[in-house]
Amino acid sequence: MSTVSFLIGGYFRGECNDFTRGVACGGLSPHNPTVTVSSPTPLKIALLGRPNVGKSTLFNVLAVGRENKAITHAQAGTTRDIRRTPALLEGHPFMLLDTAGIETPRNHEAAHTLQRELNQLSMQAAAEADILLLVVDGSTPLSPADRALATSLRKLNKRVVVLVNKADLKTAQSTIMEAETLGLGEVIAISAAHREGLGLLADTLRPYLPPAVWRGNKPEEADEADFVETNPDGTTEGLDALDDASLEAASTRLQAKPLPTPLKLAVLGRPNVGKSTLVNALLRYEAMLTGPVAGLTREAISHQFSALGHTFALIDTPGLRKKGKIEDSGLEYLSVGQSLAALNHAHVLLLVIDASVHNEVRGLWQVFEQQDATIAQTALRANKPLIVVLNKWDAVKDKAACMADVLAQLRAKLHGIHTPLALPVSATRKQGLGVLLKAVMELQTTYGKAFNTAKLNRSLATILAKRSPPLASGQVVSLKFLRQICTSPPTFALWGNRVDKISGHYLQFLKHQLAETLGLTALPVTLHLRANKNPFGYKAKMRAGFTGSAAQEKRQLKAKKAKKS
């Protein structure tokens, strides 16, 4: 109950109010780009046009980095939120903005409201950008929506370049002639799918672009090594493949890791639990589309902001439903792929759940559902720090009972963590956000800690005094030496004899006791068991030059002694 009172007490003491006033959080900077490029104020170029004209395809051609790619699909209206990313055009760096398709709202009330919000977000990106690229579909004649959009962009008094995409089709020539009547200047024919016409686009924009950062073509993708987990000695093999000498060298070089900049946070959860609302609350501006309709977010999009004297990169992800409900070739399948990629790239994972369903009078106490547990287990398998965010806390009636129930559910379903961390917030009221960010920084700092070997072995002796390993076939299992071999995640190697006979239950006991002793209770702990070398084993005999049967070994030993004498 002390944990419950601390969390709820912190929620009501007003840390959230400091956040909304910008005191505790150091003043948020809402319009920082996703990833900074060389220029402190990079040139911003926005892609605008009707749905399904190839904006996202062109975006992927120009964007730098695999994690910054947009989803492309035959279904119209795939892009809904503004995506900002560094881009290159013949070596010239700039910030590229992908936007939702702009079109006349339909008659249906829900569709009308959604499209109106999409149009508004896209026009906000147009107002933010320095140069506008109006993309039209070369496979069809210009539509009234194209002409209406051209008129709206002309009123912004910005440089507008018309791009006729799919120019490799025969019908594109007539569309190019029509586009020239828009009165926006030069019309450029391109084919984003085949990367044609980009040279002419570069010639047109070169007077506005900063100097090229290198010569030649832009790199195809970001450096793959940035996303490969390595061992302390630089290898990418499993830790079990390391020999004792490698483990010895690795452990002697271990140092505590500082907070990464930016600190990447992935916001995960089921659909319609308030992930995008939480992102907007942390950013302090409407970056993501929100509403009562589930599934509004379709892409994992990163936003950068500053708080508590540190820089964060916040990745909003689409809602994750059960695997059986997702079509393998559908748009949701691609969205899930981006969510899992964001999980692997992030430093800390925020699992958002809807706490407002808790109501003991109606018997609805199961806040942490099975799909939430599946997402959490995926995070634990990736050895990532995890915080369970109890959103819509202001709607919970009995807050103490809800927190107690949630902690009980977490302990029952998340066996890989000693004490899962759950924090209450209200994204709509911007409450609890300061506490959440402080917990994120503390958790990541603990995640990168390095522990002294002497302290680890004193802890091991204390743990073994509480409960020694069970006998293995009547023989004693002896655990002798503990050493940390990796940070982020905290990974340890434990040497002893007959370690292959240790049961899973006792191994789990060791992990939890080690986490409790070292202050890693909210983090996944990895423990590798390694057998001591047998001085009379076969490999030792081979190193000594003994081969064959016992009688032959005796004769070889006598021959060696006679040779020495």
Protein backbone atom coordinates (compact mmCIF):
# COMPACT_ATOMS: atom_id res chain seq x y z
CA MET A 1 0.00 0.00 0.00
CA SER A 2 3.00 2.29 0.40
CA THR A 3 3.62 2.15 -3.35
CA VAL A 4 -0.02 2.92 -4.02
CA SER A 5 -0.11 5.89 -1.67
CA PHE A 6 3.14 7.25 -3.09
CA LEU A 7 1.92 7.14 -6.67
CA ILE A 8 -1.50 8.56 -5.93
CA GLY A 9 -0.04 11.12 -3.51
CA GLY A 10 2.42 12.28 -6.16
CA TYR A 11 -0.42 12.59 -8.62
CA PHE A 12 -2.43 14.90 -6.36
CA ARG A 13 0.49 16.89 -4.94
CA GLY A 14 0.70 18.92 -8.14
CA GLU A 15 3.72 17.71 -10.14
CA CYS A 16 1.37 17.73 -13.12
CA ASN A 17 0.54 21.38 -12.53
CA ASP A 18 4.23 22.24 -12.69
CA PHE A 19 4.31 20.53 -16.05
CA THR A 20 1.44 22.54 -17.47
CA ARG A 21 3.06 25.76 -16.31
CA GLY A 22 6.40 24.68 -17.80
CA VAL A 23 8.19 24.97 -14.44
CA ALA A 24 9.19 21.40 -13.64
CA CYS A 25 9.62 20.45 -17.26
CA GLY A 26 11.98 23.17 -18.22
CA GLY A 27 9.79 24.75 -20.86
CA LEU A 28 8.71 22.51 -23.72
CA SER A 29 9.73 23.35 -27.27
CA PRO A 30 6.80 22.15 -29.39
CA HIS A 31 8.01 22.63 -32.94
CA ASN A 32 11.39 20.94 -32.91
CA PRO A 33 11.80 18.64 -35.93
CA THR A 34 11.99 14.89 -35.57
CA VAL A 35 15.74 14.74 -36.14
CA THR A 36 17.94 17.78 -36.54
CA VAL A 37 20.05 18.25 -39.66
CA SER A 38 23.23 20.29 -40.03
CA SER A 39 21.47 23.66 -40.23
CA PRO A 40 20.01 25.00 -36.94
CA THR A 41 16.95 26.28 -38.86
CA PRO A 42 16.57 23.85 -41.77
CA LEU A 43 14.61 24.71 -44.87
CA LYS A 44 11.16 23.10 -44.66
CA ILE A 45 9.47 21.70 -47.76
CA ALA A 46 5.92 20.32 -47.58
CA LEU A 47 4.26 17.81 -49.90
CA LEU A 48 0.59 18.60 -50.55
CA GLY A 49 -2.09 17.20 -52.80
CA ARG A 50 -5.18 15.05 -53.06
CA PRO A 51 -5.19 11.54 -51.53
CA ASN A 52 -3.38 8.76 -53.37
CA VAL A 53 -1.38 10.93 -55.81
CA GLY A 54 2.02 9.60 -54.66
CA LYS A 55 3.07 12.06 -51.94
CA SER A 56 4.26 9.37 -49.54
CA THR A 57 6.11 7.55 -52.32
CA LEU A 58 8.03 10.72 -53.10
CA PHE A 59 8.53 11.27 -49.38
CA ASN A 60 10.20 7.85 -49.04
CA VAL A 61 12.47 8.59 -52.00
CA LEU A 62 13.77 11.80 -50.39
CA ALA A 63 13.72 10.83 -46.69
CA VAL A 64 16.89 9.64 -44.95
CA GLY A 65 16.77 6.56 -42.72
CA ARG A 66 14.69 3.39 -42.64
CA GLU A 67 12.84 4.40 -39.49
CA ASN A 68 11.58 7.59 -41.18
CA LYS A 69 9.77 5.90 -44.05
CA ALA A 70 6.04 6.46 -44.55
CA ILE A 71 3.52 3.69 -45.24
CA THR A 72 2.42 3.49 -48.86
CA HIS A 73 -0.72 1.57 -49.80
CA ALA A 74 -3.25 1.44 -52.62
CA GLN A 75 -5.94 2.51 -50.18
CA ALA A 76 -6.56 6.26 -50.39
CA GLY A 77 -6.04 8.33 -47.24
CA THR A 78 -3.27 6.21 -45.75
CA THR A 79 -1.39 9.25 -44.38
CA ARG A 80 -3.26 11.11 -41.66
CA ASP A 81 -0.68 12.85 -39.48
CA ILE A 82 2.13 15.23 -40.41
CA ARG A 83 5.46 13.41 -40.66
CA ARG A 84 8.65 15.47 -40.45
CA THR A 85 12.02 13.99 -41.33
CA PRO A 86 15.46 15.03 -42.67
CA ALA A 87 15.70 14.61 -46.43
CA LEU A 88 18.23 15.01 -49.22
CA LEU A 89 17.91 16.07 -52.84
CA GLU A 90 21.17 15.54 -54.73
CA GLY A 91 23.08 16.05 -51.48
CA HIS A 92 21.19 19.20 -50.37
CA PRO A 93 19.71 18.76 -46.85
CA PHE A 94 16.29 20.03 -45.81
CA MET A 95 13.33 19.12 -43.61
CA LEU A 96 10.54 17.32 -45.49
CA LEU A 97 6.89 17.32 -44.36
CA ASP A 98 4.46 14.64 -45.53
CA THR A 99 0.79 15.56 -45.18
CA ALA A 100 -2.63 13.95 -45.44
CA GLY A 101 -4.53 14.19 -48.71
CA ILE A 102 -6.69 17.30 -49.05
CA GLU A 103 -10.14 16.86 -50.59
CA THR A 104 -13.71 18.05 -50.26
CA PRO A 105 -15.38 16.43 -47.18
CA ARG A 106 -17.99 13.78 -47.90
CA ASN A 107 -21.62 14.09 -46.92
CA HIS A 108 -21.39 11.50 -44.14
CA GLU A 109 -21.09 13.34 -40.85
CA ALA A 110 -18.22 11.29 -39.34
CA ALA A 111 -16.27 11.27 -42.61
CA HIS A 112 -16.95 14.99 -43.02
CA THR A 113 -15.51 15.75 -39.57
CA LEU A 114 -12.43 13.55 -40.10
CA GLN A 115 -11.61 14.96 -43.53
CA ARG A 116 -12.08 18.50 -42.29
CA GLU A 117 -9.53 17.85 -39.53
CA LEU A 118 -7.13 16.26 -42.03
CA ASN A 119 -7.44 19.29 -44.31
CA GLN A 120 -6.76 21.59 -41.39
CA LEU A 121 -3.62 19.68 -40.34
CA SER A 122 -2.30 19.69 -43.90
CA MET A 123 -2.84 23.43 -44.28
CA GLN A 124 -1.04 23.96 -40.96
CA ALA A 125 1.94 22.14 -42.43
CA ALA A 126 1.70 24.35 -45.53
CA ALA A 127 1.78 27.45 -43.34
CA GLU A 128 4.79 26.07 -41.46
CA ALA A 129 6.83 25.17 -44.57
CA ASP A 130 9.03 27.50 -46.63
CA ILE A 131 8.45 25.81 -50.01
CA LEU A 132 5.33 23.91 -51.11
CA LEU A 133 5.33 21.01 -53.57
CA LEU A 134 1.84 20.50 -55.02
CA VAL A 135 1.65 16.90 -56.23
CA VAL A 136 -1.00 15.99 -58.82
CA ASP A 137 -1.80 12.62 -60.39
CA GLY A 138 -0.56 12.32 -63.97
CA SER A 139 -2.78 9.31 -64.64
CA THR A 140 -5.97 11.41 -64.48
CA PRO A 141 -6.97 14.93 -65.60
CA LEU A 142 -6.86 17.74 -63.07
CA SER A 143 -9.86 17.68 -60.76
CA PRO A 144 -11.74 20.63 -59.22
CA ALA A 145 -10.08 19.66 -55.91
CA ASP A 146 -6.63 20.18 -57.50
CA ARG A 147 -7.61 23.63 -58.71
CA ALA A 148 -9.18 24.58 -55.38
CA LEU A 149 -6.04 23.49 -53.54
CA ALA A 150 -3.85 25.48 -55.94
CA THR A 151 -5.94 28.56 -55.23
CA SER A 152 -5.59 28.05 -51.46
CA LEU A 153 -1.82 27.64 -51.70
CA ARG A 154 -1.45 30.73 -53.85
CA LYS A 155 -2.97 32.80 -51.02
CA LEU A 156 -0.11 31.78 -48.71
CA ASN A 157 2.36 33.85 -50.78
CA LYS A 158 4.98 31.09 -50.76
CA ARG A 159 7.05 29.42 -53.47
CA VAL A 160 4.86 26.68 -54.96
CA VAL A 161 6.16 24.05 -57.40
CA VAL A 162 3.71 21.80 -59.22
CA LEU A 163 4.80 18.18 -59.59
CA VAL A 164 2.96 15.92 -62.02
CA ASN A 165 3.60 12.44 -60.64
CA LYS A 166 3.35 9.18 -62.63
CA ALA A 167 4.74 11.05 -65.64
CA ASP A 168 5.86 7.74 -67.18
CA LEU A 169 2.22 7.09 -68.19
CA LYS A 170 0.92 8.15 -71.59
CA THR A 171 -1.91 10.18 -70.06
CA ALA A 172 0.52 12.39 -68.15
CA GLN A 173 1.24 14.74 -71.06
CA SER A 174 -2.26 16.16 -71.11
CA THR A 175 -2.18 16.56 -67.32
CA ILE A 176 1.08 18.49 -67.58
CA MET A 177 -0.52 20.89 -70.06
CA GLU A 178 -3.49 21.35 -67.72
CA ALA A 179 -1.20 21.96 -64.72
CA GLU A 180 0.44 24.85 -66.55
CA THR A 181 -2.91 26.67 -66.48
CA LEU A 182 -2.85 26.78 -62.66
CA GLY A 183 -0.63 29.85 -62.82
CA LEU A 184 1.85 28.64 -60.20
CA GLY A 185 4.94 28.78 -62.41
CA GLU A 186 7.02 25.90 -63.69
CA VAL A 187 5.51 22.42 -63.85
CA ILE A 188 7.88 19.46 -63.33
CA ALA A 189 7.08 15.95 -64.53
CA ILE A 190 8.33 13.22 -62.19
CA SER A 191 7.86 9.54 -61.46
CA ALA A 192 8.41 8.97 -57.74
CA ALA A 193 8.18 5.20 -58.07
CA HIS A 194 10.96 5.15 -60.69
CA ARG A 195 12.94 8.13 -59.28
CA GLU A 196 12.67 10.06 -62.51
CA GLY A 197 12.61 13.85 -62.78
CA LEU A 198 14.38 14.47 -59.47
CA GLY A 199 17.30 16.19 -61.21
CA LEU A 200 15.00 18.82 -62.72
CA LEU A 201 13.36 19.28 -59.30
CA ALA A 202 16.79 19.80 -57.75
CA ASP A 203 17.69 22.41 -60.39
CA THR A 204 14.46 24.28 -59.64
CA LEU A 205 14.94 24.26 -55.85
CA ARG A 206 18.73 24.71 -55.78
CA PRO A 207 18.58 28.54 -55.31
CA TYR A 208 16.61 27.94 -52.08
CA LEU A 209 18.46 24.88 -50.77
CA PRO A 210 21.52 24.99 -48.47
CA PRO A 211 24.88 23.77 -49.86
CA ALA A 212 25.22 20.06 -50.55
CA VAL A 213 26.64 18.08 -47.65
CA TRP A 214 28.41 15.61 -49.99
CA ARG A 215 28.79 14.84 -53.63
CA GLY A 216 27.05 12.02 -55.43
CA ASN A 217 23.80 10.25 -54.68
CA LYS A 218 22.19 10.25 -51.25
CA PRO A 219 22.71 7.11 -49.15
CA GLU A 220 20.07 4.47 -49.67
CA GLU A 221 19.41 3.94 -45.99
CA ALA A 222 20.61 4.87 -42.53
CA ASP A 223 23.60 3.03 -41.14
CA GLU A 224 22.44 -0.44 -40.20
CA ALA A 225 24.98 -0.59 -37.38
CA ASP A 226 23.00 2.07 -35.50
CA PHE A 227 20.24 -0.47 -34.83
CA VAL A 228 22.28 -3.66 -34.19
CA GLU A 229 22.57 -4.68 -30.56
CA THR A 230 26.17 -5.63 -29.76
CA ASN A 231 27.92 -7.28 -26.86
CA PRO A 232 30.43 -5.38 -24.72
CA ASP A 233 33.30 -6.76 -26.78
CA GLY A 234 31.71 -5.52 -30.03
CA THR A 235 30.44 -8.90 -31.27
CA THR A 236 26.88 -9.44 -32.41
CA GLU A 237 26.69 -13.09 -31.39
CA GLY A 238 24.72 -14.37 -28.42
CA LEU A 239 26.32 -13.95 -25.04
CA ASP A 240 26.39 -17.70 -24.61
CA ALA A 241 28.86 -17.87 -27.50
CA LEU A 242 31.40 -15.75 -25.58
CA ASP A 243 34.15 -17.64 -23.82
CA ASP A 244 35.41 -16.84 -20.34
CA ALA A 245 38.24 -14.68 -21.66
CA SER A 246 35.77 -12.54 -23.62
CA LEU A 247 33.51 -12.19 -20.60
CA GLU A 248 36.49 -11.20 -18.45
CA ALA A 249 37.54 -8.53 -20.96
CA ALA A 250 33.97 -7.29 -21.36
CA SER A 251 33.29 -6.92 -17.65
CA THR A 252 36.49 -4.97 -17.00
CA ARG A 253 35.42 -2.32 -19.53
CA LEU A 254 31.89 -1.84 -18.19
CA GLN A 255 30.94 1.73 -17.39
CA ALA A 256 27.65 3.37 -16.53
CA LYS A 257 25.94 4.75 -19.62
CA PRO A 258 24.69 8.36 -19.62
CA LEU A 259 21.20 9.28 -20.79
CA PRO A 260 21.02 9.12 -24.59
CA THR A 261 20.17 12.27 -26.53
CA PRO A 262 17.47 12.25 -27.65
CA LEU A 263 15.88 9.79 -25.24
CA LYS A 264 13.46 7.84 -27.45
CA LEU A 265 10.06 6.94 -25.99
CA ALA A 266 7.69 4.63 -27.87
CA VAL A 267 4.00 4.97 -26.92
CA LEU A 268 2.30 1.58 -27.33
CA GLY A 269 -1.13 0.17 -26.54
CA ARG A 270 -4.45 -1.06 -27.82
CA PRO A 271 -6.55 1.20 -30.08
CA ASN A 272 -8.40 4.15 -28.54
CA VAL A 273 -6.73 4.19 -25.12
CA GLY A 274 -5.44 7.77 -25.49
CA LYS A 275 -1.93 7.32 -26.95
CA SER A 276 -2.15 10.26 -29.37
CA THR A 277 -3.81 12.44 -26.71
CA LEU A 278 -0.88 11.66 -24.40
CA VAL A 279 1.59 12.57 -27.15
CA ASN A 280 -0.17 15.88 -27.77
CA ALA A 281 -0.19 16.62 -24.04
CA LEU A 282 3.56 16.01 -23.75
CA LEU A 283 4.29 18.08 -26.86
CA ARG A 284 1.84 20.82 -25.76
CA TYR A 285 0.43 21.22 -29.26
CA GLU A 286 -1.88 19.19 -31.52
CA ALA A 287 0.68 17.13 -33.43
CA MET A 288 -1.45 13.98 -33.79
CA LEU A 289 -5.03 13.52 -34.93
CA THR A 290 -7.30 12.52 -32.04
CA GLY A 291 -10.96 11.57 -31.73
CA PRO A 292 -13.44 9.01 -30.40
CA VAL A 293 -12.99 6.78 -33.48
CA ALA A 294 -10.53 3.93 -32.95
CA GLY A 295 -7.63 3.51 -35.37
CA LEU A 296 -7.06 7.15 -36.33
CA THR A 297 -3.27 6.78 -36.09
CA ARG A 298 -1.89 4.64 -38.91
CA GLU A 299 1.86 5.34 -38.83
CA ALA A 300 4.56 5.48 -36.17
CA ILE A 301 5.63 9.13 -36.16
CA SER A 302 8.39 10.68 -34.07
CA HIS A 303 8.28 14.14 -32.48
CA GLN A 304 11.11 15.78 -30.55
CA PHE A 305 10.65 18.02 -27.51
CA SER A 306 12.61 19.27 -24.48
CA ALA A 307 11.70 18.80 -20.82
CA LEU A 308 13.50 18.62 -17.47
CA GLY A 309 16.67 19.85 -19.15
CA HIS A 310 16.78 16.91 -21.56
CA THR A 311 15.71 16.18 -25.13
CA PHE A 312 13.14 13.46 -25.84
CA ALA A 313 11.95 11.85 -29.07
CA LEU A 314 8.33 10.73 -28.67
CA ILE A 315 7.12 8.03 -31.08
CA ASP A 316 3.36 7.66 -31.37
CA THR A 317 2.35 4.27 -32.75
CA PRO A 318 -0.87 2.77 -34.18
CA GLY A 319 -3.02 0.72 -31.83
CA LEU A 320 -2.16 -2.99 -31.65
CA ARG A 321 -5.06 -5.41 -31.93
CA LYS A 322 -5.01 -9.19 -31.59
CA LYS A 323 -3.04 -10.96 -34.29
CA GLY A 324 -6.04 -12.97 -35.49
CA LYS A 325 -7.96 -9.78 -36.38
CA ILE A 326 -5.26 -8.39 -38.70
CA GLU A 327 -5.13 -9.19 -42.43
CA ASP A 328 -1.67 -10.11 -43.69
CA SER A 329 -1.93 -7.90 -46.78
CA GLY A 330 -3.94 -5.04 -45.29
CA LEU A 331 -2.97 -1.56 -44.21
CA GLU A 332 -3.18 -2.50 -40.52
CA TYR A 333 -0.50 -5.17 -41.08
CA LEU A 334 1.91 -2.46 -42.26
CA SER A 335 0.96 -0.27 -39.29
CA VAL A 336 1.76 -3.09 -36.84
CA GLY A 337 5.15 -3.50 -38.53
CA GLN A 338 5.95 0.15 -37.87
CA SER A 339 4.86 -0.19 -34.23
CA LEU A 340 7.18 -3.15 -33.69
CA ALA A 341 10.03 -1.29 -35.40
CA ALA A 342 9.45 1.67 -33.06
CA LEU A 343 9.56 -0.75 -30.11
CA ASN A 344 13.01 -1.97 -31.18
CA HIS A 345 14.41 1.53 -31.79
CA ALA A 346 13.10 3.13 -28.57
CA HIS A 347 14.98 3.37 -25.28
CA VAL A 348 11.93 3.32 -22.98
CA LEU A 349 8.46 1.92 -23.75
CA LEU A 350 5.25 3.50 -22.47
CA LEU A 351 2.36 1.02 -22.49
CA VAL A 352 -0.84 3.07 -22.28
CA ILE A 353 -3.98 1.42 -20.88
CA ASP A 354 -7.44 2.82 -20.19
CA ALA A 355 -7.89 2.92 -16.42
CA SER A 356 -11.39 4.40 -16.62
CA VAL A 357 -12.92 0.94 -17.15
CA HIS A 358 -12.20 0.10 -13.51
CA ASN A 359 -15.47 -0.06 -11.60
CA GLU A 360 -15.76 -2.55 -8.76
CA VAL A 361 -19.53 -1.99 -8.42
CA ARG A 362 -20.08 -3.38 -11.93
CA GLY A 363 -17.27 -5.92 -11.54
CA LEU A 364 -15.08 -4.34 -14.24
CA TRP A 365 -11.75 -4.55 -12.43
CA GLN A 366 -9.75 -6.26 -15.20
CA VAL A 367 -7.93 -3.13 -16.43
CA PHE A 368 -4.81 -4.91 -17.69
CA GLU A 369 -6.23 -7.11 -20.47
CA GLN A 370 -4.62 -10.04 -22.25
CA GLN A 371 -3.68 -7.94 -25.28
CA ASP A 372 -1.92 -5.50 -22.95
CA ALA A 373 -0.01 -8.42 -21.46
CA THR A 374 0.97 -9.60 -24.95
CA ILE A 375 2.36 -6.17 -25.82
CA ALA A 376 4.21 -6.01 -22.50
CA GLN A 377 5.72 -9.46 -23.02
CA THR A 378 6.95 -8.36 -26.46
CA ALA A 379 8.68 -5.41 -24.79
CA LEU A 380 10.25 -7.66 -22.15
CA ARG A 381 11.55 -10.06 -24.80
CA ALA A 382 13.31 -7.06 -26.33
CA ASN A 383 14.79 -6.30 -22.86
CA LYS A 384 13.41 -2.75 -22.88
CA PRO A 385 12.46 -0.64 -19.84
CA LEU A 386 8.68 -0.57 -19.55
CA ILE A 387 6.30 1.83 -17.81
CA VAL A 388 2.58 1.09 -17.68
CA VAL A 389 0.73 4.40 -18.09
CA LEU A 390 -2.74 4.41 -16.50
CA ASN A 391 -4.48 6.98 -18.69
CA LYS A 392 -7.88 8.62 -18.01
CA TRP A 393 -7.10 8.51 -14.29
CA ASP A 394 -9.43 11.42 -13.66
CA ALA A 395 -12.39 9.17 -14.58
CA VAL A 396 -11.48 6.44 -12.07
CA LYS A 397 -13.83 6.40 -9.08
CA ASP A 398 -11.87 4.43 -6.47
CA LYS A 399 -8.26 5.29 -7.30
CA ALA A 400 -6.62 3.35 -4.46
CA ALA A 401 -8.53 0.16 -5.33
CA CYS A 402 -7.78 0.60 -9.03
CA MET A 403 -4.05 0.97 -8.41
CA ALA A 404 -4.00 -2.05 -6.11
CA ASP A 405 -5.88 -4.15 -8.68
CA VAL A 406 -3.57 -3.05 -11.51
CA LEU A 407 -0.42 -3.89 -9.54
CA ALA A 408 -1.85 -7.31 -8.69
CA GLN A 409 -2.64 -7.94 -12.37
CA LEU A 410 0.83 -6.83 -13.43
CA ARG A 411 2.54 -9.16 -10.96
CA ALA A 412 0.36 -12.05 -12.14
CA LYS A 413 1.02 -11.54 -15.87
CA LEU A 414 4.52 -10.02 -16.07
CA HIS A 415 6.83 -12.54 -14.41
CA GLY A 416 9.94 -11.11 -16.07
CA ILE A 417 9.93 -7.99 -13.85
CA HIS A 418 10.13 -8.00 -10.05
CA THR A 419 7.78 -5.00 -9.60
CA PRO A 420 6.32 -3.52 -12.84
CA LEU A 421 6.07 0.27 -12.73
CA ALA A 422 2.58 1.76 -13.19
CA LEU A 423 1.95 5.52 -13.15
CA PRO A 424 -1.42 7.33 -13.33
CA VAL A 425 -1.90 10.24 -15.75
CA SER A 426 -4.70 12.20 -17.33
CA ALA A 427 -3.71 13.23 -20.84
CA THR A 428 -6.78 15.39 -21.42
CA ARG A 429 -6.17 17.37 -18.21
CA LYS A 430 -2.36 17.23 -18.54
CA GLN A 431 -1.98 15.74 -15.07
CA GLY A 432 0.79 13.41 -13.94
CA LEU A 433 3.03 14.15 -16.94
CA GLY A 434 5.90 15.63 -14.93
CA VAL A 435 6.01 12.53 -12.71
CA LEU A 436 6.00 10.34 -15.81
CA LEU A 437 8.98 12.07 -17.44
CA LYS A 438 10.97 11.99 -14.19
CA ALA A 439 10.31 8.24 -13.92
CA VAL A 440 11.43 7.74 -17.53
CA MET A 441 14.77 9.45 -16.88
CA GLU A 442 15.35 7.58 -13.60
CA LEU A 443 14.49 4.25 -15.20
CA GLN A 444 16.83 4.80 -18.15
CA THR A 445 19.64 5.88 -15.80
CA THR A 446 19.22 2.71 -13.74
CA TYR A 447 19.07 0.69 -16.97
CA GLY A 448 22.62 1.78 -17.83
CA LYS A 449 24.20 1.23 -14.38
CA ALA A 450 27.43 -0.75 -13.93
CA PHE A 451 27.94 -2.72 -10.68
CA ASN A 452 31.13 -3.60 -8.86
CA THR A 453 32.01 -7.31 -8.97
CA ALA A 454 32.75 -7.44 -5.23
CA LYS A 455 29.32 -5.98 -4.46
CA LEU A 456 27.67 -8.48 -6.78
CA ASN A 457 29.29 -11.45 -5.03
CA ARG A 458 28.33 -10.12 -1.61
CA SER A 459 24.78 -9.90 -2.91
CA LEU A 460 25.06 -13.44 -4.26
CA ALA A 461 26.14 -14.72 -0.82
CA THR A 462 23.15 -12.99 0.79
CA ILE A 463 20.76 -14.50 -1.77
CA LEU A 464 22.19 -18.02 -1.33
CA ALA A 465 21.89 -17.67 2.45
CA LYS A 466 18.14 -17.05 2.00
CA ARG A 467 17.60 -20.04 -0.25
CA SER A 468 20.22 -22.39 -1.64
CA PRO A 469 19.72 -24.23 -4.96
CA PRO A 470 17.81 -27.53 -4.76
CA LEU A 471 19.80 -30.74 -5.00
CA ALA A 472 20.30 -32.17 -8.48
CA SER A 473 19.91 -35.98 -8.39
CA GLY A 474 21.11 -35.96 -4.79
CA GLN A 475 24.15 -33.80 -5.60
CA VAL A 476 24.83 -30.26 -4.42
CA VAL A 477 24.53 -27.41 -6.91
CA SER A 478 27.20 -24.84 -6.09
CA LEU A 479 26.99 -21.24 -7.33
CA LYS A 480 30.36 -19.55 -6.88
CA PHE A 481 30.92 -16.33 -8.82
CA LEU A 482 28.77 -13.50 -10.26
CA ARG A 483 29.86 -10.81 -12.69
CA GLN A 484 28.10 -8.17 -14.79
CA ILE A 485 28.88 -8.59 -18.48
CA CYS A 486 26.64 -5.96 -20.07
CA THR A 487 24.65 -2.78 -19.36
CA SER A 488 21.47 -1.65 -21.12
CA PRO A 489 20.03 -4.20 -20.46
CA PRO A 490 21.66 -5.21 -17.15
CA THR A 491 23.11 -8.65 -17.91
CA PHE A 492 24.99 -10.91 -15.52
CA ALA A 493 26.90 -14.21 -15.75
CA LEU A 494 26.82 -16.69 -12.87
CA TRP A 495 29.42 -19.46 -12.62
CA GLY A 496 28.96 -22.73 -10.76
CA ASN A 497 28.77 -26.49 -11.08
CA ARG A 498 25.74 -28.44 -12.30
CA VAL A 499 24.11 -25.18 -13.41
CA ASP A 500 22.27 -27.06 -16.17
CA LYS A 501 20.27 -28.76 -13.40
CA ILE A 502 18.88 -25.50 -12.00
CA SER A 503 15.11 -25.26 -12.45
CA GLY A 504 13.32 -22.36 -14.08
CA HIS A 505 11.62 -21.48 -10.78
CA TYR A 506 14.92 -21.10 -8.94
CA LEU A 507 16.40 -19.12 -11.85
CA GLN A 508 13.45 -16.75 -11.61
CA PHE A 509 14.05 -16.49 -7.85
CA LEU A 510 17.69 -15.55 -8.50
CA LYS A 511 16.70 -12.86 -11.01
CA HIS A 512 14.12 -11.29 -8.71
CA GLN A 513 16.41 -11.38 -5.68
CA LEU A 514 19.22 -9.86 -7.71
CA ALA A 515 16.90 -7.13 -9.01
CA GLU A 516 15.71 -6.36 -5.48
CA THR A 517 19.26 -6.22 -4.08
CA LEU A 518 20.61 -3.97 -6.87
CA GLY A 519 17.60 -1.67 -7.21
CA LEU A 520 16.52 -3.06 -10.60
CA THR A 521 13.01 -4.05 -9.56
CA ALA A 522 11.28 -2.23 -12.46
CA LEU A 523 13.66 -3.55 -15.14
CA PRO A 524 14.13 -6.88 -16.94
CA VAL A 525 17.27 -8.65 -15.66
CA THR A 526 19.16 -11.17 -17.81
CA LEU A 527 21.13 -13.91 -16.06
CA HIS A 528 23.38 -16.39 -17.91
CA LEU A 529 24.46 -19.57 -16.13
CA ARG A 530 27.92 -20.86 -16.98
CA ALA A 531 29.55 -24.07 -15.81
CA ASN A 532 32.95 -24.06 -14.15
CA LYS A 533 35.78 -25.61 -16.12
CA ASN A 534 36.53 -29.20 -15.10
CA PRO A 535 40.31 -29.52 -14.64
CA PHE A 536 39.99 -33.25 -15.35
CA GLY A 537 37.66 -32.84 -18.33
CA TYR A 538 38.31 -33.97 -21.87
CA LYS A 539 39.33 -30.50 -23.16
CA ALA A 540 41.78 -30.06 -20.29
CA LYS A 541 43.34 -33.40 -21.09
CA MET A 542 43.59 -32.49 -24.75
CA ARG A 543 45.39 -29.25 -23.86
CA ALA A 544 47.80 -31.29 -21.73
CA GLY A 545 48.47 -33.66 -24.63
CA PHE A 546 46.66 -36.72 -23.26
CA THR A 547 44.72 -38.80 -25.79
CA GLY A 548 43.24 -42.27 -25.82
CA SER A 549 42.24 -44.59 -22.99
CA ALA A 550 43.14 -44.37 -19.29
CA ALA A 551 45.96 -46.92 -19.69
CA GLN A 552 47.38 -44.96 -22.61
CA GLU A 553 47.20 -41.74 -20.57
CA LYS A 554 49.20 -43.42 -17.77
CA ARG A 555 51.88 -44.51 -20.23
CA GLN A 556 52.00 -41.00 -21.75
CA LEU A 557 52.32 -39.46 -18.27
CA LYS A 558 55.21 -41.83 -17.36
CA ALA A 559 56.92 -41.03 -20.65
CA LYS A 560 56.65 -37.29 -19.95
CA LYS A 561 58.12 -37.69 -16.44
CA ALA A 562 60.98 -39.85 -17.76
CA LYS A 563 61.69 -37.29 -20.48
CA LYS A 564 61.90 -34.47 -17.92
CA SER A 565 64.25 -36.43 -15.67
